[in-house]
N, C-alpha and C. Protein backbone atom coordinates (compact mmCIF):
# COMPACT_ATOMS: atom_id res chain seq x y z
N UNK A 1 -7.09 0.44 -4.25
CA UNK A 1 -7.79 -0.47 -3.76
C UNK A 1 -7.21 -1.80 -3.60
N UNK A 2 -6.59 -2.25 -4.73
CA UNK A 2 -5.87 -3.45 -4.95
C UNK A 2 -4.81 -3.76 -3.88
N UNK A 3 -4.03 -2.68 -3.65
CA UNK A 3 -2.73 -2.55 -2.71
C UNK A 3 -3.08 -2.49 -1.53
N UNK A 4 -4.27 -2.14 -0.83
CA UNK A 4 -4.67 -2.28 0.20
C UNK A 4 -5.80 -3.18 0.82
N UNK A 5 -6.59 -3.74 -0.18
CA UNK A 5 -7.49 -4.63 0.24
C UNK A 5 -6.94 -5.85 0.85
N UNK A 6 -7.48 -6.39 2.00
CA UNK A 6 -7.02 -7.44 2.51
C UNK A 6 -5.81 -7.27 3.12
N UNK A 7 -5.13 -6.37 3.44
CA UNK A 7 -3.67 -6.01 3.76
C UNK A 7 -3.88 -6.36 5.35
N UNK A 8 -3.03 -7.04 5.79
CA UNK A 8 -2.89 -7.30 7.41
C UNK A 8 -2.61 -6.03 7.99
N UNK A 9 -3.43 -5.71 9.13
CA UNK A 9 -2.97 -4.30 9.56
C UNK A 9 -1.85 -4.09 9.94
N UNK A 10 -0.82 -4.90 10.58
CA UNK A 10 0.53 -4.61 10.86
C UNK A 10 1.07 -4.08 9.71
N UNK A 11 1.03 -4.82 8.85
CA UNK A 11 1.90 -4.66 7.62
C UNK A 11 1.65 -3.23 6.97
N UNK A 12 -0.15 -2.69 7.11
CA UNK A 12 -0.51 -1.34 6.45
C UNK A 12 0.13 -0.45 7.44
N UNK A 13 0.35 -0.51 8.75
CA UNK A 13 0.70 0.33 9.66
C UNK A 13 2.17 0.38 9.41
N UNK A 14 3.11 -0.27 9.07
CA UNK A 14 4.45 -0.27 8.50
C UNK A 14 4.64 0.56 7.28
N UNK A 15 3.55 0.18 6.30
CA UNK A 15 3.43 1.11 5.10
C UNK A 15 3.63 2.41 5.36
N UNK A 16 2.62 2.83 6.22
CA UNK A 16 2.12 4.35 6.42
C UNK A 16 3.39 4.99 7.11
N UNK A 17 4.16 4.27 8.10
CA UNK A 17 5.18 4.58 8.54
C UNK A 17 6.40 4.98 7.76
N UNK A 18 6.54 3.97 6.87
CA UNK A 18 7.53 4.06 5.65
C UNK A 18 7.30 5.32 4.75
N UNK A 19 6.01 5.55 4.69
CA UNK A 19 5.76 6.55 3.67
C UNK A 19 6.36 7.78 4.19
N UNK A 20 5.72 8.08 5.62
CA UNK A 20 5.98 9.18 6.51
C UNK A 20 7.48 9.55 6.56
N UNK A 21 8.16 8.52 6.43
CA UNK A 21 9.73 8.76 6.56
C UNK A 21 10.21 9.19 5.06
N UNK A 22 9.44 8.82 3.77
CA UNK A 22 10.00 9.25 2.68
C UNK A 22 9.50 10.68 2.42
N UNK A 23 8.40 10.76 3.21
CA UNK A 23 7.86 12.46 3.27
C UNK A 23 8.40 13.24 3.90
N UNK A 24 9.13 12.77 5.00
CA UNK A 24 10.17 13.66 5.86
C UNK A 24 11.21 13.83 5.19
N UNK A 25 11.58 12.83 4.13
CA UNK A 25 12.96 12.93 3.48
C UNK A 25 12.90 14.02 2.19
N UNK A 26 11.70 14.50 1.74
CA UNK A 26 11.42 15.53 0.78
C UNK A 26 10.53 15.19 -0.32
N UNK A 27 10.08 13.78 -0.28
CA UNK A 27 9.11 13.22 -1.35
C UNK A 27 7.94 13.91 -1.29
N UNK A 28 7.29 14.02 -2.58
CA UNK A 28 5.85 14.55 -2.37
C UNK A 28 4.97 13.60 -2.47
N UNK A 29 4.01 13.17 -1.61
CA UNK A 29 3.04 12.03 -1.79
C UNK A 29 1.71 12.40 -2.30
N UNK A 30 1.58 11.54 -3.47
CA UNK A 30 0.11 11.80 -4.15
C UNK A 30 -0.12 10.15 -4.67
N UNK A 31 -1.07 10.08 -5.07
CA UNK A 31 -1.68 8.75 -5.55
C UNK A 31 -1.79 8.56 -6.91
N UNK A 32 -1.57 7.35 -7.38
CA UNK A 32 -1.51 6.86 -8.70
C UNK A 32 -2.76 5.83 -9.03
N UNK A 33 -3.56 6.07 -10.27
CA UNK A 33 -4.21 5.30 -10.56
C UNK A 33 -3.56 4.31 -11.52
N UNK A 34 -2.97 3.07 -11.25
CA UNK A 34 -2.75 1.61 -12.22
C UNK A 34 -3.58 1.19 -12.73
N UNK A 35 -3.76 1.13 -14.03
CA UNK A 35 -4.76 0.44 -14.88
C UNK A 35 -4.62 -0.98 -15.02
N UNK A 36 -5.45 -1.71 -14.90
CA UNK A 36 -5.34 -3.13 -15.74
C UNK A 36 -4.58 -4.19 -14.62
N UNK A 37 -4.99 -3.78 -13.34
CA UNK A 37 -4.15 -4.56 -12.34
C UNK A 37 -4.73 -5.92 -12.31
N UNK A 38 -5.82 -6.31 -12.64
CA UNK A 38 -6.52 -7.62 -12.45
C UNK A 38 -5.95 -8.33 -13.44
N UNK A 39 -6.10 -7.92 -14.86
CA UNK A 39 -5.56 -8.39 -16.02
C UNK A 39 -3.92 -8.74 -16.00
N UNK A 40 -3.39 -7.90 -15.14
CA UNK A 40 -2.05 -8.36 -15.09
C UNK A 40 -1.57 -9.36 -14.26
N UNK A 41 -2.62 -9.66 -13.28
CA UNK A 41 -2.49 -11.00 -12.54
C UNK A 41 -2.61 -12.26 -13.57
N UNK A 42 -3.65 -12.09 -14.15
CA UNK A 42 -4.01 -13.32 -15.28
C UNK A 42 -2.93 -13.47 -16.30
N UNK A 43 -2.44 -12.19 -16.70
CA UNK A 43 -1.25 -12.22 -17.52
C UNK A 43 0.12 -12.66 -17.05
N UNK A 44 0.45 -12.59 -15.88
CA UNK A 44 1.61 -12.87 -15.36
C UNK A 44 1.34 -14.58 -15.02
N UNK A 45 -0.01 -14.83 -14.49
CA UNK A 45 -0.06 -16.48 -14.29
C UNK A 45 0.26 -17.60 -15.35
N UNK A 46 -0.44 -16.82 -16.57
CA UNK A 46 -0.58 -17.32 -17.83
C UNK A 46 1.00 -17.61 -18.50
N UNK A 47 1.62 -16.34 -18.33
CA UNK A 47 2.90 -16.53 -19.11
C UNK A 47 3.90 -17.32 -18.21
N UNK A 48 3.84 -17.20 -17.02
CA UNK A 48 4.41 -17.98 -15.89
C UNK A 48 4.22 -19.55 -16.10
N UNK A 49 3.05 -19.83 -16.41
CA UNK A 49 2.90 -21.39 -16.32
C UNK A 49 3.39 -21.92 -17.84
N UNK A 50 3.02 -20.93 -18.92
CA UNK A 50 3.56 -21.57 -20.16
C UNK A 50 5.29 -21.59 -20.17
N UNK A 51 5.69 -20.64 -19.72
CA UNK A 51 7.42 -20.66 -19.86
C UNK A 51 7.94 -21.64 -18.69
N UNK A 52 7.39 -21.59 -17.72
CA UNK A 52 7.91 -22.60 -16.72
C UNK A 52 7.86 -24.20 -17.25
N UNK A 53 6.82 -24.52 -17.98
CA UNK A 53 6.34 -25.74 -18.41
C UNK A 53 7.41 -25.96 -19.84
N UNK A 54 7.67 -24.85 -20.43
CA UNK A 54 8.81 -25.12 -21.64
C UNK A 54 10.03 -25.69 -20.96
N UNK A 55 10.39 -25.03 -19.93
CA UNK A 55 11.74 -25.48 -19.21
C UNK A 55 11.49 -26.86 -18.76
N UNK A 56 10.49 -27.22 -17.73
CA UNK A 56 10.41 -28.28 -17.43
C UNK A 56 9.71 -29.71 -17.72
N UNK A 57 9.22 -29.14 -19.06
CA UNK A 57 8.35 -30.27 -19.42
C UNK A 57 8.99 -31.52 -19.80
N UNK A 58 10.25 -31.72 -19.96
CA UNK A 58 11.02 -33.18 -20.23
C UNK A 58 11.25 -34.00 -18.82
N UNK A 59 11.42 -33.23 -18.05
CA UNK A 59 11.78 -33.55 -16.42
C UNK A 59 10.40 -34.15 -15.90
N UNK A 60 9.43 -33.18 -16.23
CA UNK A 60 8.07 -33.47 -15.41
C UNK A 60 7.57 -34.82 -16.10
N UNK A 61 7.54 -34.69 -17.21
CA UNK A 61 7.03 -36.36 -18.03
C UNK A 61 7.76 -37.22 -17.58
N UNK A 62 9.27 -37.34 -17.35
CA UNK A 62 9.91 -38.52 -17.00
C UNK A 62 10.01 -38.69 -15.51
N UNK A 63 10.06 -37.59 -14.62
CA UNK A 63 10.14 -37.78 -13.27
C UNK A 63 9.23 -37.02 -12.24
N UNK A 64 7.88 -36.93 -13.03
CA UNK A 64 7.07 -35.93 -12.20
C UNK A 64 6.74 -36.12 -10.74
N UNK A 65 6.64 -37.64 -10.39
CA UNK A 65 6.41 -37.87 -9.19
C UNK A 65 7.74 -37.47 -8.04
N UNK A 66 8.57 -37.02 -8.68
CA UNK A 66 9.87 -36.19 -7.89
C UNK A 66 9.47 -34.74 -7.37
N UNK A 67 8.35 -34.42 -7.92
CA UNK A 67 8.21 -32.66 -7.78
C UNK A 67 7.09 -32.72 -6.39
N UNK A 68 7.63 -31.53 -5.92
CA UNK A 68 6.73 -31.23 -4.75
C UNK A 68 5.31 -31.11 -5.15
N UNK A 69 4.53 -31.01 -3.96
CA UNK A 69 2.83 -31.22 -4.47
C UNK A 69 2.40 -29.98 -5.02
N UNK A 70 3.01 -28.79 -4.71
CA UNK A 70 2.52 -27.68 -5.38
C UNK A 70 2.99 -27.57 -6.54
N UNK A 71 4.23 -28.06 -6.84
CA UNK A 71 5.05 -27.72 -8.24
C UNK A 71 4.22 -28.50 -9.39
N UNK A 72 4.11 -29.90 -8.62
CA UNK A 72 3.32 -30.89 -9.65
C UNK A 72 2.21 -30.18 -9.81
N UNK A 73 1.39 -29.72 -9.09
CA UNK A 73 -0.08 -29.47 -9.65
C UNK A 73 0.17 -28.16 -10.54
N UNK A 74 0.97 -27.37 -10.40
CA UNK A 74 1.21 -26.07 -11.30
C UNK A 74 1.59 -26.71 -12.69
N UNK A 75 2.78 -27.84 -12.74
CA UNK A 75 3.18 -28.36 -13.92
C UNK A 75 1.82 -29.06 -14.72
N UNK A 76 1.04 -29.84 -13.92
CA UNK A 76 0.12 -30.36 -14.75
C UNK A 76 -0.98 -29.44 -15.06
N UNK A 77 -1.18 -28.36 -14.71
CA UNK A 77 -2.08 -27.23 -15.12
C UNK A 77 -1.58 -26.72 -16.40
N UNK A 78 -0.15 -26.43 -16.11
CA UNK A 78 0.74 -25.63 -17.53
C UNK A 78 0.46 -26.48 -18.83
N UNK A 79 0.56 -28.19 -18.41
CA UNK A 79 0.59 -28.67 -19.56
C UNK A 79 -0.73 -28.89 -20.48
N UNK A 80 -2.04 -28.29 -20.01
CA UNK A 80 -3.30 -28.10 -20.50
C UNK A 80 -3.44 -26.63 -21.18
N UNK A 81 -2.34 -25.86 -20.70
CA UNK A 81 -2.47 -24.25 -21.31
C UNK A 81 -2.16 -24.41 -22.80
N UNK A 82 -3.58 -24.07 -23.40
CA UNK A 82 -3.32 -23.75 -25.00
C UNK A 82 -2.37 -22.45 -25.61
N UNK A 83 -1.64 -22.74 -26.42
CA UNK A 83 -1.01 -21.59 -27.53
C UNK A 83 -1.43 -20.27 -27.37
N UNK A 84 -2.87 -20.41 -27.77
CA UNK A 84 -3.63 -19.29 -27.89
C UNK A 84 -3.75 -18.30 -26.63
N UNK A 85 -3.80 -19.30 -25.51
CA UNK A 85 -3.93 -18.29 -24.27
C UNK A 85 -2.49 -17.57 -23.90
N UNK A 86 -1.27 -18.25 -24.06
CA UNK A 86 -0.16 -17.67 -24.17
C UNK A 86 0.15 -16.71 -24.91
N UNK A 87 -0.10 -16.67 -26.38
CA UNK A 87 -0.07 -15.62 -27.10
C UNK A 87 -1.12 -14.35 -26.84
N UNK A 88 -2.30 -14.64 -26.31
CA UNK A 88 -2.99 -13.43 -26.09
C UNK A 88 -2.66 -12.94 -24.77
N UNK A 89 -1.87 -13.46 -23.72
CA UNK A 89 -1.31 -12.91 -22.74
C UNK A 89 0.04 -12.24 -23.02
N UNK A 90 0.71 -12.32 -23.89
CA UNK A 90 1.76 -11.67 -24.38
C UNK A 90 1.32 -10.38 -24.98
N UNK A 91 0.01 -10.34 -25.92
CA UNK A 91 -0.73 -9.14 -26.50
C UNK A 91 -1.18 -7.99 -25.14
N UNK A 92 -1.93 -8.76 -24.32
CA UNK A 92 -2.08 -7.99 -23.14
C UNK A 92 -1.09 -7.67 -22.51
N UNK A 93 0.16 -8.11 -22.07
CA UNK A 93 1.06 -7.40 -21.72
C UNK A 93 1.70 -6.23 -22.12
N UNK A 94 1.67 -6.28 -23.66
CA UNK A 94 2.19 -4.89 -24.25
C UNK A 94 1.26 -3.99 -24.07
N UNK A 95 -0.05 -4.31 -23.88
CA UNK A 95 -1.15 -3.15 -23.84
C UNK A 95 -0.63 -2.67 -22.56
N UNK A 96 -0.76 -3.50 -21.36
CA UNK A 96 -0.53 -3.10 -20.27
C UNK A 96 0.98 -2.38 -19.74
N UNK A 97 1.73 -2.58 -20.35
CA UNK A 97 3.19 -2.15 -20.42
C UNK A 97 2.88 -0.60 -20.98
N UNK A 98 2.28 -0.44 -22.02
CA UNK A 98 1.95 1.15 -22.37
C UNK A 98 1.17 1.88 -21.39
N UNK A 99 0.00 1.23 -20.42
CA UNK A 99 -0.88 1.77 -19.83
C UNK A 99 0.03 2.44 -18.63
N UNK A 100 0.91 1.40 -18.06
CA UNK A 100 1.62 1.79 -17.07
C UNK A 100 2.70 2.95 -17.24
N UNK A 101 3.17 2.81 -18.49
CA UNK A 101 4.10 4.08 -18.73
C UNK A 101 3.16 5.19 -18.50
N UNK A 102 2.01 5.34 -18.96
CA UNK A 102 1.35 6.61 -18.88
C UNK A 102 1.07 6.77 -17.69
N UNK A 103 0.88 5.75 -16.78
CA UNK A 103 0.27 6.25 -15.41
C UNK A 103 1.81 6.75 -14.59
N UNK A 104 2.76 6.22 -14.95
CA UNK A 104 3.92 6.81 -14.43
C UNK A 104 4.43 8.05 -14.88
N UNK A 105 4.03 8.66 -15.62
CA UNK A 105 4.26 9.84 -16.41
C UNK A 105 4.77 10.79 -15.46
N UNK A 106 3.85 11.19 -14.26
CA UNK A 106 4.11 12.26 -13.65
C UNK A 106 4.55 11.71 -12.26
N UNK A 107 5.00 10.81 -11.86
CA UNK A 107 5.96 10.31 -10.88
C UNK A 107 6.99 9.78 -10.91
N UNK A 108 7.67 9.58 -9.74
CA UNK A 108 9.27 9.16 -9.66
C UNK A 108 9.03 7.65 -9.55
N UNK A 109 8.36 7.27 -8.47
CA UNK A 109 8.17 5.98 -7.83
C UNK A 109 6.95 5.56 -7.29
N UNK A 110 6.50 4.24 -7.21
CA UNK A 110 5.28 3.75 -6.49
C UNK A 110 6.00 2.97 -5.50
N UNK A 111 5.21 3.23 -4.22
CA UNK A 111 5.49 2.65 -3.02
C UNK A 111 4.19 1.76 -2.79
N UNK A 112 4.85 0.52 -2.37
CA UNK A 112 3.66 -0.46 -2.01
C UNK A 112 4.17 -1.42 -0.85
N UNK A 113 3.50 -2.36 -0.40
CA UNK A 113 4.14 -3.28 0.50
C UNK A 113 4.77 -4.43 -0.64
N UNK A 114 5.63 -5.03 0.05
CA UNK A 114 6.23 -6.11 -1.08
C UNK A 114 5.22 -7.43 -0.97
N UNK A 115 4.36 -7.84 0.23
CA UNK A 115 3.42 -8.48 0.05
C UNK A 115 2.40 -8.35 1.26
N UNK A 116 0.95 -8.49 1.18
CA UNK A 116 -0.04 -8.46 1.79
C UNK A 116 -0.07 -8.55 3.24
N UNK A 117 0.80 -9.46 3.53
CA UNK A 117 0.72 -10.32 5.15
C UNK A 117 1.63 -11.21 5.18
N UNK A 118 2.05 -11.71 6.52
CA UNK A 118 3.05 -12.63 6.37
C UNK A 118 2.48 -13.85 6.04
N UNK A 119 3.68 -14.93 5.72
CA UNK A 119 3.60 -16.07 4.96
C UNK A 119 2.96 -16.85 5.82
N UNK A 120 2.34 -18.05 5.52
CA UNK A 120 1.50 -18.78 6.33
C UNK A 120 2.54 -20.34 6.70
N UNK A 121 2.49 -20.36 7.83
CA UNK A 121 3.16 -21.80 8.20
C UNK A 121 3.05 -22.79 7.28
N UNK A 122 3.99 -23.70 7.22
CA UNK A 122 3.83 -24.88 6.32
C UNK A 122 2.57 -25.93 6.59
N UNK A 123 2.62 -26.05 8.03
CA UNK A 123 1.23 -26.93 8.36
C UNK A 123 -0.03 -26.12 8.09
N UNK A 124 0.22 -24.86 7.73
CA UNK A 124 -1.44 -23.95 7.73
C UNK A 124 -1.63 -24.09 5.83
N UNK A 125 -0.66 -24.59 5.23
CA UNK A 125 -0.80 -24.40 3.71
C UNK A 125 -2.27 -25.00 3.49
N UNK A 126 -3.04 -24.45 2.48
CA UNK A 126 -4.13 -25.10 2.20
C UNK A 126 -4.00 -25.35 0.57
N UNK A 127 -5.01 -26.13 0.16
CA UNK A 127 -4.75 -26.48 -1.48
C UNK A 127 -4.93 -25.10 -2.44
N UNK A 128 -4.26 -25.10 -3.35
CA UNK A 128 -4.17 -23.97 -4.29
C UNK A 128 -5.46 -24.17 -5.12
N UNK A 129 -5.99 -22.70 -5.56
CA UNK A 129 -6.80 -22.76 -6.74
C UNK A 129 -6.14 -21.87 -7.75
N UNK A 130 -6.78 -21.79 -8.77
CA UNK A 130 -6.38 -20.46 -9.83
C UNK A 130 -7.33 -19.89 -10.02
N UNK A 131 -8.19 -19.42 -9.40
CA UNK A 131 -9.37 -18.26 -9.31
C UNK A 131 -8.90 -17.06 -9.09
N UNK A 132 -9.83 -16.22 -9.16
CA UNK A 132 -9.63 -14.71 -8.94
C UNK A 132 -9.33 -14.70 -7.46
N UNK A 133 -9.87 -15.20 -6.80
CA UNK A 133 -9.70 -15.13 -4.97
C UNK A 133 -8.32 -15.54 -4.79
N UNK A 134 -7.66 -16.64 -5.54
CA UNK A 134 -6.35 -17.20 -5.22
C UNK A 134 -5.39 -16.03 -5.79
N UNK A 135 -5.66 -15.27 -6.51
CA UNK A 135 -4.81 -14.33 -7.22
C UNK A 135 -4.79 -12.98 -6.25
N UNK A 136 -5.87 -13.02 -5.69
CA UNK A 136 -6.15 -11.63 -4.66
C UNK A 136 -5.45 -11.91 -3.27
N UNK A 137 -5.23 -13.25 -2.88
CA UNK A 137 -4.74 -13.71 -1.82
C UNK A 137 -3.52 -14.17 -1.78
N UNK A 138 -2.87 -14.02 -3.07
CA UNK A 138 -1.49 -14.67 -2.98
C UNK A 138 -0.20 -13.92 -2.58
N UNK A 139 0.74 -14.34 -1.83
CA UNK A 139 1.70 -13.31 -1.38
C UNK A 139 2.35 -12.48 -2.20
N UNK A 140 2.47 -12.78 -3.59
CA UNK A 140 3.28 -12.27 -4.61
C UNK A 140 2.22 -11.33 -5.14
N UNK A 141 1.16 -11.05 -5.16
CA UNK A 141 -0.01 -10.24 -5.79
C UNK A 141 0.45 -8.96 -6.06
N UNK A 142 1.30 -8.11 -5.23
CA UNK A 142 1.89 -6.86 -5.40
C UNK A 142 2.76 -6.74 -6.17
N UNK A 143 3.59 -7.90 -6.38
CA UNK A 143 5.09 -7.90 -7.18
C UNK A 143 4.54 -8.25 -8.72
N UNK A 144 3.46 -9.10 -9.06
CA UNK A 144 3.03 -9.47 -10.20
C UNK A 144 3.06 -8.56 -11.38
N UNK A 145 2.22 -7.26 -11.17
CA UNK A 145 2.08 -6.41 -11.92
C UNK A 145 3.58 -5.70 -12.50
N UNK A 146 4.21 -5.36 -11.73
CA UNK A 146 5.31 -4.68 -12.08
C UNK A 146 6.39 -5.71 -12.74
N UNK A 147 6.27 -7.03 -12.60
CA UNK A 147 7.00 -7.87 -13.24
C UNK A 147 6.65 -8.14 -14.78
N UNK A 148 5.21 -7.64 -14.90
CA UNK A 148 4.34 -7.80 -16.28
C UNK A 148 4.81 -6.31 -16.85
N UNK A 149 4.91 -5.39 -16.09
CA UNK A 149 5.34 -4.05 -16.67
C UNK A 149 6.80 -4.04 -17.21
N UNK A 150 7.69 -4.79 -16.52
CA UNK A 150 9.21 -4.68 -16.85
C UNK A 150 9.77 -3.63 -16.06
N UNK A 151 9.26 -3.13 -14.94
CA UNK A 151 9.47 -1.98 -14.25
C UNK A 151 10.52 -2.61 -13.27
N UNK A 152 11.38 -1.59 -12.85
CA UNK A 152 12.70 -1.96 -11.67
C UNK A 152 11.78 -1.73 -10.37
N UNK A 153 12.01 -2.66 -9.50
CA UNK A 153 11.55 -2.79 -8.28
C UNK A 153 12.71 -3.17 -7.29
N UNK A 154 12.55 -2.81 -6.04
CA UNK A 154 13.33 -3.19 -4.75
C UNK A 154 12.59 -3.10 -3.61
N UNK A 155 12.90 -4.41 -2.71
CA UNK A 155 12.11 -4.79 -1.63
C UNK A 155 13.25 -4.24 -0.52
N UNK A 156 12.68 -3.50 0.50
CA UNK A 156 13.79 -3.25 1.58
C UNK A 156 13.14 -3.62 2.90
N UNK A 157 13.74 -3.92 4.10
CA UNK A 157 12.82 -3.95 5.10
C UNK A 157 12.38 -2.69 5.73
N UNK A 158 11.26 -2.85 6.30
CA UNK A 158 10.56 -1.78 6.83
C UNK A 158 9.98 -1.90 8.24
N UNK A 159 10.11 -3.17 8.68
CA UNK A 159 9.34 -3.44 10.19
C UNK A 159 9.20 -4.84 10.25
N UNK A 160 8.81 -5.25 11.71
CA UNK A 160 8.69 -6.52 11.85
C UNK A 160 7.11 -6.64 12.40
N UNK A 161 6.79 -7.95 12.52
CA UNK A 161 5.32 -8.22 13.07
C UNK A 161 5.65 -8.31 14.36
N UNK A 162 4.57 -8.66 15.30
CA UNK A 162 4.42 -8.67 16.70
C UNK A 162 5.38 -10.18 16.84
N UNK A 163 5.19 -10.76 15.84
CA UNK A 163 5.77 -12.41 15.89
C UNK A 163 6.90 -12.47 15.56
N UNK A 164 7.64 -11.29 14.99
CA UNK A 164 8.97 -11.15 14.63
C UNK A 164 9.26 -11.61 13.23
N UNK A 165 8.27 -11.74 12.67
CA UNK A 165 8.32 -11.68 10.89
C UNK A 165 8.56 -10.28 10.27
N UNK A 166 9.55 -10.18 9.23
CA UNK A 166 10.03 -9.14 8.63
C UNK A 166 8.95 -8.70 7.51
N UNK A 167 8.72 -7.51 7.52
CA UNK A 167 7.88 -6.65 6.57
C UNK A 167 8.54 -5.87 5.60
N UNK A 168 8.32 -6.06 4.30
CA UNK A 168 8.88 -5.47 3.16
C UNK A 168 8.07 -4.27 2.59
N UNK A 169 8.96 -3.45 2.12
CA UNK A 169 8.60 -2.23 1.53
C UNK A 169 9.07 -2.20 -0.18
N UNK A 170 8.08 -2.33 -0.98
CA UNK A 170 8.50 -2.38 -2.37
C UNK A 170 8.58 -0.85 -2.97
N UNK A 171 9.56 -0.62 -3.77
CA UNK A 171 9.70 0.71 -4.42
C UNK A 171 10.01 0.55 -6.00
N UNK A 172 8.83 1.01 -6.70
CA UNK A 172 8.81 0.56 -7.94
C UNK A 172 8.95 1.91 -8.71
N UNK A 173 9.93 1.71 -10.11
CA UNK A 173 10.23 2.96 -10.76
C UNK A 173 9.75 2.71 -12.14
N UNK A 174 10.02 4.09 -12.98
CA UNK A 174 9.55 3.74 -14.60
C UNK A 174 10.65 2.51 -15.11
N UNK A 175 10.17 1.69 -16.41
CA UNK A 175 11.01 0.96 -16.76
C UNK A 175 12.03 1.70 -17.18
N UNK A 176 13.23 1.08 -16.85
CA UNK A 176 14.61 1.64 -17.28
C UNK A 176 15.13 2.67 -16.22
N UNK A 177 14.50 3.00 -15.27
CA UNK A 177 15.04 4.13 -14.35
C UNK A 177 15.26 3.20 -12.94
N UNK A 178 16.32 2.49 -13.08
CA UNK A 178 16.81 1.60 -11.99
C UNK A 178 17.46 2.52 -10.96
N UNK A 179 18.06 3.69 -11.65
CA UNK A 179 18.66 4.67 -10.37
C UNK A 179 17.92 5.15 -9.25
N UNK A 180 16.95 6.01 -10.07
CA UNK A 180 15.86 6.71 -9.07
C UNK A 180 15.23 5.36 -7.93
N UNK A 181 15.19 4.24 -8.50
CA UNK A 181 14.51 3.14 -7.46
C UNK A 181 15.76 3.10 -6.40
N UNK A 182 16.80 2.87 -6.54
CA UNK A 182 17.93 2.66 -6.03
C UNK A 182 18.28 3.76 -4.98
N UNK A 183 17.89 4.85 -5.51
CA UNK A 183 18.20 6.34 -4.64
C UNK A 183 17.35 6.50 -3.69
N UNK A 184 15.94 6.14 -3.93
CA UNK A 184 15.09 6.10 -3.15
C UNK A 184 15.19 5.19 -2.10
N UNK A 185 15.38 3.73 -2.41
CA UNK A 185 15.58 2.73 -1.33
C UNK A 185 17.08 3.39 -0.52
N UNK A 186 17.95 3.56 -0.85
CA UNK A 186 18.96 4.18 -0.05
C UNK A 186 18.51 5.26 1.06
N UNK A 187 17.77 6.40 0.29
CA UNK A 187 17.13 7.37 1.23
C UNK A 187 16.74 6.93 2.39
N UNK A 188 15.71 6.04 2.07
CA UNK A 188 15.04 5.11 3.14
C UNK A 188 15.78 4.61 4.49
N UNK A 189 16.77 3.91 3.59
CA UNK A 189 17.67 3.14 4.68
C UNK A 189 18.42 3.96 5.41
N UNK A 190 19.07 5.16 4.80
CA UNK A 190 19.74 5.99 5.65
C UNK A 190 19.07 6.78 6.70
N UNK A 191 17.62 6.74 6.66
CA UNK A 191 16.85 7.44 7.86
C UNK A 191 16.24 6.26 8.49
N UNK A 192 16.55 5.19 8.49
CA UNK A 192 15.92 3.95 9.29
C UNK A 192 16.84 2.54 9.41
N UNK A 193 16.76 1.85 10.50
CA UNK A 193 17.52 0.84 10.64
C UNK A 193 16.89 -0.52 10.78
N UNK A 194 16.09 -0.84 10.06
CA UNK A 194 15.34 -2.13 9.82
C UNK A 194 16.26 -3.01 9.39
N UNK A 195 16.74 -2.60 8.16
CA UNK A 195 18.02 -3.12 7.27
C UNK A 195 19.19 -4.10 8.11
N UNK A 196 19.34 -3.38 9.36
CA UNK A 196 20.18 -3.88 10.24
C UNK A 196 19.60 -4.63 11.53
N UNK A 197 18.44 -4.94 11.63
CA UNK A 197 18.06 -5.57 12.53
C UNK A 197 17.70 -7.03 11.87
N UNK A 198 17.58 -7.95 12.93
CA UNK A 198 17.15 -9.53 12.62
C UNK A 198 15.96 -9.95 13.40
N UNK A 199 15.38 -10.97 12.82
CA UNK A 199 14.10 -11.32 13.70
C UNK A 199 14.54 -12.43 14.78
N UNK A 200 13.64 -12.43 15.84
CA UNK A 200 13.97 -13.31 16.71
C UNK A 200 13.74 -14.69 16.12
N UNK A 201 14.50 -15.54 16.64
CA UNK A 201 14.18 -17.00 16.10
C UNK A 201 13.71 -17.81 16.97
N UNK A 202 13.09 -18.99 16.64
CA UNK A 202 12.29 -19.92 17.76
C UNK A 202 13.40 -20.31 18.71
N UNK A 203 12.94 -20.28 19.99
CA UNK A 203 13.81 -20.61 21.22
C UNK A 203 14.11 -19.42 21.71
N UNK A 204 14.15 -18.09 21.17
CA UNK A 204 14.70 -17.11 21.93
C UNK A 204 15.98 -16.64 21.28
N UNK A 205 16.61 -17.32 20.16
CA UNK A 205 17.85 -16.77 19.68
C UNK A 205 17.93 -15.75 18.68
N UNK A 206 18.84 -15.03 18.02
CA UNK A 206 18.58 -14.30 16.82
C UNK A 206 19.76 -14.57 15.87
N UNK A 207 19.50 -14.32 14.68
CA UNK A 207 20.44 -14.66 13.75
C UNK A 207 21.76 -13.50 13.88
N UNK A 208 22.81 -14.51 13.73
CA UNK A 208 24.02 -13.58 13.89
C UNK A 208 24.71 -12.89 12.95
N UNK A 209 24.22 -13.23 11.70
CA UNK A 209 24.72 -12.59 10.53
C UNK A 209 23.49 -12.05 9.57
N UNK A 210 23.61 -10.89 8.83
CA UNK A 210 22.80 -10.43 8.10
C UNK A 210 23.23 -10.48 6.63
N UNK A 211 22.47 -11.26 5.59
CA UNK A 211 23.09 -11.06 4.42
C UNK A 211 22.49 -10.17 3.42
């Protein structure tokens, strides 16, 4: 449910089409119950806040007014994070990593979208909060659990929205098994040409180079 709830319909259609390509390539489709996904969101945020503040603390204290609004609010929040919360997050991460390994025991890769929908325009950005609803709505919520798990993951293009925005397919493997992840990604790109296309730019032009 976590990886399909609130997903943009165009993105979900692209995911189904991508899974179809992989199935035609010989992969066997099944479902996997990934445990502690909600806890992984909290763990990710807690560790990220604590470690980012440890890097930027001096600069933030001396020149905090030069930080962007979003970064400044996060640093302010991180400055209040107790050490006990950070240490607790590290302990929960170890449990999540073990549960993730168990869940992946009988599968080679997990395939999800890279994000649940297109990004908002800059003039559509709304003030952030740090509650459960914000974690569910975050553009990076599908990537957070695998970062916490220490699992290799790659994002490859799998389509475009009607507005011309790219859609990403995330392929995730067991910790340490980068080779399988890259093999599956290559197999997908051998059978599609999304990675060779470029989105339309405002005014009707297109980018000339693909990096």
